[in-house]
């Protein structure tokens, strides 16, 4: 009986350790002097990955894609290493 409970907690711990960094990654892209909501951030990333022009303004797109995303990716790599 104890082994099935520990399997549940191992699974839940694994899910939290996967989902939480993703949530923090997206959240960190939304905060700054120029505020951008999470939906716009996800939409900009999605459109850029597909090679299309996002519907947001050029300023918002550049803030997310050219400034915040490289910084957050660098911070994530430094933190992981």
Protein backbone atom coordinates (compact mmCIF):
# COMPACT_ATOMS: atom_id res chain seq x y z
CA UNK A 1 0.00 0.00 0.00
CA UNK A 2 2.86 2.40 0.74
CA UNK A 3 4.43 1.87 -2.68
CA UNK A 4 1.34 2.99 -4.62
CA UNK A 5 1.16 6.20 -2.56
CA UNK A 6 4.82 6.96 -3.09
CA UNK A 7 4.39 6.46 -6.84
CA UNK A 8 1.63 9.06 -6.83
CA UNK A 9 3.81 11.58 -5.01
CA UNK A 10 6.76 10.91 -7.30
CA UNK A 11 4.53 11.56 -10.31
CA UNK A 12 3.09 14.72 -8.78
CA UNK A 13 6.57 15.97 -7.87
CA UNK A 14 7.77 15.31 -11.40
CA UNK A 15 4.82 17.19 -12.90
CA UNK A 16 5.36 20.16 -10.60
CA UNK A 17 9.07 20.25 -11.47
CA UNK A 18 8.18 20.34 -15.17
CA UNK A 19 5.21 22.73 -15.11
CA UNK A 20 6.46 25.27 -12.58
CA UNK A 21 9.55 26.39 -14.55
CA UNK A 22 7.38 26.81 -17.68
CA UNK A 23 4.92 28.99 -15.76
CA UNK A 24 7.75 31.10 -14.32
CA UNK A 25 9.36 31.35 -17.76
CA UNK A 26 6.18 32.78 -19.29
CA UNK A 27 5.53 35.00 -16.27
CA UNK A 28 9.01 36.49 -16.51
CA UNK A 29 8.31 37.46 -20.12
CA UNK A 30 5.28 39.50 -19.04
CA UNK A 31 6.85 41.72 -16.38
CA UNK A 32 8.84 44.84 -17.10
CA UNK A 33 8.54 48.53 -17.80
CA UNK A 34 6.39 47.81 -20.85
CA UNK A 35 3.70 45.42 -19.63
CA UNK A 36 2.59 42.61 -21.91
CA UNK A 37 -0.01 40.03 -20.91
CA UNK A 38 0.70 36.30 -21.03
CA UNK A 39 -1.71 35.70 -23.91
CA UNK A 40 0.13 38.20 -26.09
CA UNK A 41 3.49 36.67 -25.15
CA UNK A 42 2.35 33.18 -26.10
CA UNK A 43 0.77 34.45 -29.32
CA UNK A 44 3.93 36.34 -30.32
CA UNK A 45 6.12 33.29 -29.69
CA UNK A 46 3.72 31.02 -31.59
CA UNK A 47 3.50 33.32 -34.62
CA UNK A 48 7.27 33.85 -34.70
CA UNK A 49 7.95 30.11 -34.52
CA UNK A 50 5.59 29.60 -37.47
CA UNK A 51 7.35 32.39 -39.41
CA UNK A 52 4.30 34.66 -39.46
CA UNK A 53 3.78 38.26 -38.36
CA UNK A 54 2.04 38.50 -34.96
CA UNK A 55 -1.09 40.67 -34.76
CA UNK A 56 0.39 42.74 -31.88
CA UNK A 57 2.15 46.03 -32.52
CA UNK A 58 5.75 45.99 -33.71
CA UNK A 59 6.84 47.52 -30.40
CA UNK A 60 5.22 44.75 -28.35
CA UNK A 61 6.60 42.06 -30.65
CA UNK A 62 10.13 43.48 -30.47
CA UNK A 63 10.01 43.88 -26.69
CA UNK A 64 9.09 40.21 -26.28
CA UNK A 65 11.02 38.61 -29.15
CA UNK A 66 14.17 40.73 -29.31
CA UNK A 67 14.66 41.79 -25.68
CA UNK A 68 12.89 39.69 -23.08
CA UNK A 69 13.02 36.24 -24.68
CA UNK A 70 16.83 36.20 -25.14
CA UNK A 71 17.34 37.44 -21.57
CA UNK A 72 14.98 34.88 -20.06
CA UNK A 73 16.52 32.06 -22.11
CA UNK A 74 20.01 33.10 -20.99
CA UNK A 75 18.89 33.25 -17.36
CA UNK A 76 17.30 29.81 -17.64
CA UNK A 77 20.51 28.33 -19.09
CA UNK A 78 22.66 29.96 -16.42
CA UNK A 79 20.31 28.74 -13.71
CA UNK A 80 20.25 25.22 -15.11
CA UNK A 81 24.03 25.03 -15.34
